[in-house]
């Protein structure tokens, strides 16, 4: 899955979307990464990875971080092109 857009779940860090750059054991490095803090319009991250969200205005996805290494990864799900576009199109959620 190196080079593919994925959603990952980490044991204590939450859920992230990005391009898988490296994987070593339960440690992954993602590029162009967003933390998926809250999603609506999908019942689970599995559905989100396959279908995307149908309610992008109700999601809370952070700004894009150029590169991040995440420890304690317990799940990696490849995203369809449709789902990746849906996630990328969600407006940035941040404090002002």
N, C-alpha and C. Protein backbone atom coordinates (compact mmCIF):
# COMPACT_ATOMS: atom_id res chain seq x y z
N UNK A 1 0.80 -1.21 0.00
CA UNK A 1 0.00 0.00 0.00
C UNK A 1 0.85 1.27 0.00
N UNK A 2 2.16 1.13 -0.02
CA UNK A 2 3.03 2.31 -0.07
C UNK A 2 2.65 3.16 -1.29
N UNK A 3 2.50 4.46 -1.06
CA UNK A 3 2.13 5.37 -2.13
C UNK A 3 0.63 5.53 -2.32
N UNK A 4 -0.16 4.74 -1.60
CA UNK A 4 -1.62 4.79 -1.72
C UNK A 4 -2.22 5.68 -0.63
N UNK A 5 -3.39 6.22 -0.91
CA UNK A 5 -4.12 6.99 0.10
C UNK A 5 -4.84 6.01 1.01
N UNK A 6 -4.69 6.23 2.32
CA UNK A 6 -5.22 5.30 3.31
C UNK A 6 -5.84 6.06 4.48
N UNK A 7 -6.67 5.34 5.21
CA UNK A 7 -7.11 5.80 6.53
C UNK A 7 -6.48 4.85 7.53
N UNK A 8 -5.88 5.41 8.57
CA UNK A 8 -5.30 4.56 9.61
C UNK A 8 -5.93 4.91 10.95
N UNK A 9 -6.01 3.89 11.79
CA UNK A 9 -6.45 4.07 13.18
C UNK A 9 -5.26 3.73 14.06
N UNK A 10 -4.93 4.66 14.94
CA UNK A 10 -3.84 4.42 15.90
C UNK A 10 -4.44 4.14 17.26
N UNK A 11 -3.74 3.34 18.04
CA UNK A 11 -4.23 2.92 19.35
C UNK A 11 -4.62 4.09 20.24
N UNK A 12 -3.81 5.13 20.30
CA UNK A 12 -4.09 6.25 21.19
C UNK A 12 -4.14 7.60 20.51
N UNK A 13 -3.79 7.65 19.23
CA UNK A 13 -3.69 8.95 18.55
C UNK A 13 -4.90 9.30 17.70
N UNK A 14 -5.76 8.33 17.42
CA UNK A 14 -6.96 8.62 16.64
C UNK A 14 -6.90 8.09 15.23
N UNK A 15 -7.64 8.77 14.34
CA UNK A 15 -7.82 8.33 12.96
C UNK A 15 -7.23 9.38 12.03
N UNK A 16 -6.50 8.93 11.00
CA UNK A 16 -5.81 9.82 10.08
C UNK A 16 -6.04 9.38 8.64
N UNK A 17 -5.96 10.35 7.72
CA UNK A 17 -6.03 10.10 6.29
C UNK A 17 -4.78 10.69 5.65
N UNK A 18 -4.16 9.96 4.75
CA UNK A 18 -2.99 10.49 4.05
C UNK A 18 -2.42 9.46 3.10
N UNK A 19 -1.29 9.79 2.53
CA UNK A 19 -0.59 8.88 1.63
C UNK A 19 0.46 8.11 2.42
N UNK A 20 0.39 6.80 2.35
CA UNK A 20 1.31 5.95 3.10
C UNK A 20 2.70 6.03 2.48
N UNK A 21 3.63 6.55 3.26
CA UNK A 21 5.02 6.68 2.79
C UNK A 21 5.87 5.50 3.26
N UNK A 22 5.75 5.14 4.55
CA UNK A 22 6.54 4.05 5.12
C UNK A 22 5.73 3.33 6.18
N UNK A 23 6.05 2.03 6.36
CA UNK A 23 5.46 1.25 7.44
C UNK A 23 6.54 0.36 8.01
N UNK A 24 6.64 0.37 9.35
CA UNK A 24 7.58 -0.50 10.04
C UNK A 24 6.91 -0.96 11.32
N UNK A 25 6.53 -2.22 11.35
CA UNK A 25 5.79 -2.71 12.51
C UNK A 25 4.48 -1.95 12.65
N UNK A 26 4.26 -1.39 13.85
CA UNK A 26 3.02 -0.63 14.06
C UNK A 26 3.27 0.88 13.96
N UNK A 27 4.29 1.25 13.23
CA UNK A 27 4.63 2.66 13.00
C UNK A 27 4.48 2.97 11.52
N UNK A 28 3.76 4.05 11.21
CA UNK A 28 3.63 4.45 9.81
C UNK A 28 3.98 5.92 9.66
N UNK A 29 4.45 6.26 8.47
CA UNK A 29 4.67 7.65 8.10
C UNK A 29 3.70 7.97 6.97
N UNK A 30 2.94 9.03 7.15
CA UNK A 30 2.00 9.51 6.14
C UNK A 30 2.44 10.87 5.64
N UNK A 31 2.19 11.14 4.37
CA UNK A 31 2.38 12.48 3.83
C UNK A 31 1.01 13.05 3.51
N UNK A 32 0.95 14.38 3.45
CA UNK A 32 -0.31 15.09 3.16
C UNK A 32 -1.44 14.52 4.02
N UNK A 33 -1.22 14.57 5.31
CA UNK A 33 -2.06 13.90 6.30
C UNK A 33 -3.07 14.84 6.95
N UNK A 34 -4.27 14.33 7.17
CA UNK A 34 -5.31 15.03 7.94
C UNK A 34 -5.77 14.12 9.07
N UNK A 35 -5.98 14.69 10.24
CA UNK A 35 -6.59 13.94 11.34
C UNK A 35 -8.10 14.01 11.12
N UNK A 36 -8.76 12.86 11.18
CA UNK A 36 -10.21 12.78 11.02
C UNK A 36 -10.80 12.75 12.42
N UNK A 37 -11.13 13.94 12.92
CA UNK A 37 -11.57 14.06 14.30
C UNK A 37 -13.02 13.64 14.47
N UNK A 38 -13.86 13.99 13.50
CA UNK A 38 -15.28 13.63 13.56
C UNK A 38 -15.79 13.51 12.14
N UNK A 39 -16.51 12.46 11.84
CA UNK A 39 -17.09 12.31 10.50
C UNK A 39 -18.57 12.01 10.63
N UNK A 40 -19.29 12.45 9.62
CA UNK A 40 -20.72 12.23 9.55
C UNK A 40 -21.01 11.81 8.11
N UNK A 41 -21.98 10.97 7.93
CA UNK A 41 -22.29 10.52 6.58
C UNK A 41 -21.62 9.20 6.24
N UNK A 42 -21.01 8.56 7.23
CA UNK A 42 -20.44 7.21 7.09
C UNK A 42 -20.53 6.57 8.48
N UNK A 43 -20.91 5.31 8.51
CA UNK A 43 -21.10 4.62 9.79
C UNK A 43 -19.79 4.25 10.47
N UNK A 44 -18.73 4.10 9.68
CA UNK A 44 -17.44 3.66 10.22
C UNK A 44 -16.32 4.16 9.32
N UNK A 45 -15.09 3.98 9.78
CA UNK A 45 -13.97 4.37 8.90
C UNK A 45 -13.85 3.43 7.71
N UNK A 46 -14.37 2.21 7.83
CA UNK A 46 -14.38 1.31 6.68
C UNK A 46 -15.27 1.88 5.58
N UNK A 47 -16.46 2.31 5.94
CA UNK A 47 -17.36 2.92 4.96
C UNK A 47 -16.76 4.23 4.43
N UNK A 48 -16.15 5.00 5.31
CA UNK A 48 -15.53 6.25 4.90
C UNK A 48 -14.43 6.00 3.87
N UNK A 49 -13.65 4.93 4.04
CA UNK A 49 -12.56 4.60 3.12
C UNK A 49 -13.05 4.11 1.77
N UNK A 50 -14.23 3.54 1.74
CA UNK A 50 -14.78 3.00 0.49
C UNK A 50 -15.68 4.01 -0.23
N UNK A 51 -16.57 4.66 0.54
CA UNK A 51 -17.58 5.53 -0.07
C UNK A 51 -17.35 7.01 0.16
N UNK A 52 -16.54 7.36 1.13
CA UNK A 52 -16.38 8.76 1.49
C UNK A 52 -17.54 9.22 2.35
N UNK A 53 -17.65 10.53 2.54
CA UNK A 53 -18.73 11.08 3.34
C UNK A 53 -19.78 11.71 2.43
N UNK A 54 -21.03 11.54 2.80
CA UNK A 54 -22.11 12.20 2.06
C UNK A 54 -22.55 13.48 2.77
N UNK A 55 -21.91 13.77 3.91
CA UNK A 55 -22.23 14.98 4.67
C UNK A 55 -20.95 15.74 5.02
N UNK A 56 -20.24 16.23 4.02
CA UNK A 56 -18.95 16.88 4.28
C UNK A 56 -19.03 18.11 5.16
N UNK A 57 -20.14 18.81 5.15
CA UNK A 57 -20.28 20.01 5.98
C UNK A 57 -20.40 19.70 7.47
N UNK A 58 -20.65 18.44 7.79
CA UNK A 58 -20.78 18.03 9.19
C UNK A 58 -19.54 17.31 9.72
N UNK A 59 -18.48 17.25 8.92
CA UNK A 59 -17.24 16.57 9.33
C UNK A 59 -16.26 17.56 9.95
N UNK A 60 -15.39 17.05 10.78
CA UNK A 60 -14.32 17.84 11.38
C UNK A 60 -12.99 17.17 11.06
N UNK A 61 -12.36 17.64 9.97
CA UNK A 61 -11.06 17.14 9.52
C UNK A 61 -10.07 18.30 9.58
N UNK A 62 -8.91 18.05 10.16
CA UNK A 62 -7.92 19.11 10.36
C UNK A 62 -7.26 19.54 9.06
N UNK A 63 -6.41 20.55 9.18
CA UNK A 63 -5.60 20.98 8.04
C UNK A 63 -4.62 19.89 7.67
N UNK A 64 -4.00 20.03 6.52
CA UNK A 64 -3.05 19.04 6.02
C UNK A 64 -1.68 19.26 6.65
N UNK A 65 -1.11 18.20 7.19
CA UNK A 65 0.25 18.20 7.72
C UNK A 65 1.13 17.55 6.65
N UNK A 66 2.23 18.19 6.24
CA UNK A 66 3.03 17.64 5.14
C UNK A 66 3.56 16.22 5.40
N UNK A 67 3.98 15.93 6.63
CA UNK A 67 4.49 14.59 6.94
C UNK A 67 4.32 14.34 8.44
N UNK A 68 3.97 13.11 8.78
CA UNK A 68 3.77 12.74 10.19
C UNK A 68 4.11 11.26 10.36
N UNK A 69 4.70 10.93 11.50
CA UNK A 69 4.92 9.54 11.87
C UNK A 69 4.00 9.22 13.03
N UNK A 70 3.26 8.14 12.90
CA UNK A 70 2.25 7.76 13.89
C UNK A 70 2.63 6.40 14.45
N UNK A 71 2.66 6.31 15.77
CA UNK A 71 2.98 5.06 16.46
C UNK A 71 1.70 4.37 16.89
N UNK A 72 1.76 3.07 17.10
CA UNK A 72 0.62 2.32 17.62
C UNK A 72 -0.51 2.15 16.62
N UNK A 73 -0.17 2.00 15.36
CA UNK A 73 -1.19 1.83 14.33
C UNK A 73 -1.78 0.43 14.43
N UNK A 74 -3.11 0.36 14.49
CA UNK A 74 -3.78 -0.93 14.61
C UNK A 74 -4.64 -1.27 13.40
N UNK A 75 -4.78 -0.32 12.47
CA UNK A 75 -5.61 -0.57 11.30
C UNK A 75 -5.17 0.34 10.15
N UNK A 76 -5.05 -0.22 8.96
CA UNK A 76 -4.75 0.54 7.75
C UNK A 76 -5.76 0.11 6.70
N UNK A 77 -6.52 1.08 6.19
CA UNK A 77 -7.55 0.78 5.19
C UNK A 77 -7.25 1.59 3.93
N UNK A 78 -7.08 0.94 2.78
CA UNK A 78 -6.88 1.70 1.55
C UNK A 78 -8.16 2.44 1.15
N UNK A 79 -8.00 3.62 0.59
CA UNK A 79 -9.15 4.42 0.17
C UNK A 79 -9.38 4.29 -1.33
N UNK A 80 -10.65 4.30 -1.70
CA UNK A 80 -10.98 4.39 -3.11
C UNK A 80 -10.72 5.83 -3.57
N UNK A 81 -10.62 6.02 -4.86
CA UNK A 81 -10.45 7.38 -5.39
C UNK A 81 -11.61 8.27 -4.99
N UNK A 82 -12.83 7.73 -5.05
CA UNK A 82 -14.04 8.48 -4.68
C UNK A 82 -13.97 8.93 -3.22
N UNK A 83 -13.59 8.02 -2.34
CA UNK A 83 -13.51 8.35 -0.91
C UNK A 83 -12.42 9.38 -0.65
N UNK A 84 -11.25 9.21 -1.27
CA UNK A 84 -10.14 10.14 -1.07
C UNK A 84 -10.55 11.56 -1.48
N UNK A 85 -11.21 11.68 -2.64
CA UNK A 85 -11.65 13.01 -3.09
C UNK A 85 -12.65 13.60 -2.10
N UNK A 86 -13.56 12.78 -1.61
CA UNK A 86 -14.56 13.23 -0.65
C UNK A 86 -13.90 13.78 0.62
N UNK A 87 -12.89 13.07 1.12
CA UNK A 87 -12.18 13.50 2.34
C UNK A 87 -11.39 14.77 2.07
N UNK A 88 -10.70 14.80 0.94
CA UNK A 88 -9.89 15.97 0.60
C UNK A 88 -10.75 17.22 0.39
N UNK A 89 -11.98 17.05 -0.03
CA UNK A 89 -12.87 18.18 -0.29
C UNK A 89 -13.54 18.75 0.96
N UNK A 90 -13.42 18.06 2.10
CA UNK A 90 -14.00 18.58 3.34
C UNK A 90 -13.22 19.82 3.77
N UNK A 91 -13.95 20.87 4.12
CA UNK A 91 -13.30 22.12 4.56
C UNK A 91 -12.48 21.87 5.82
N UNK A 92 -11.40 22.62 5.96
CA UNK A 92 -10.53 22.50 7.13
C UNK A 92 -11.26 22.95 8.38
N UNK A 93 -11.18 22.12 9.41
CA UNK A 93 -11.74 22.45 10.72
C UNK A 93 -10.60 22.88 11.63
N UNK A 94 -10.69 24.09 12.18
CA UNK A 94 -9.64 24.57 13.09
C UNK A 94 -10.19 25.68 13.95
N UNK A 95 -9.51 25.95 15.03
CA UNK A 95 -9.85 27.07 15.92
C UNK A 95 -9.36 28.34 15.27
N UNK A 96 -10.08 29.38 15.43
CA UNK A 96 -9.68 30.67 14.84
C UNK A 96 -9.28 31.64 15.93
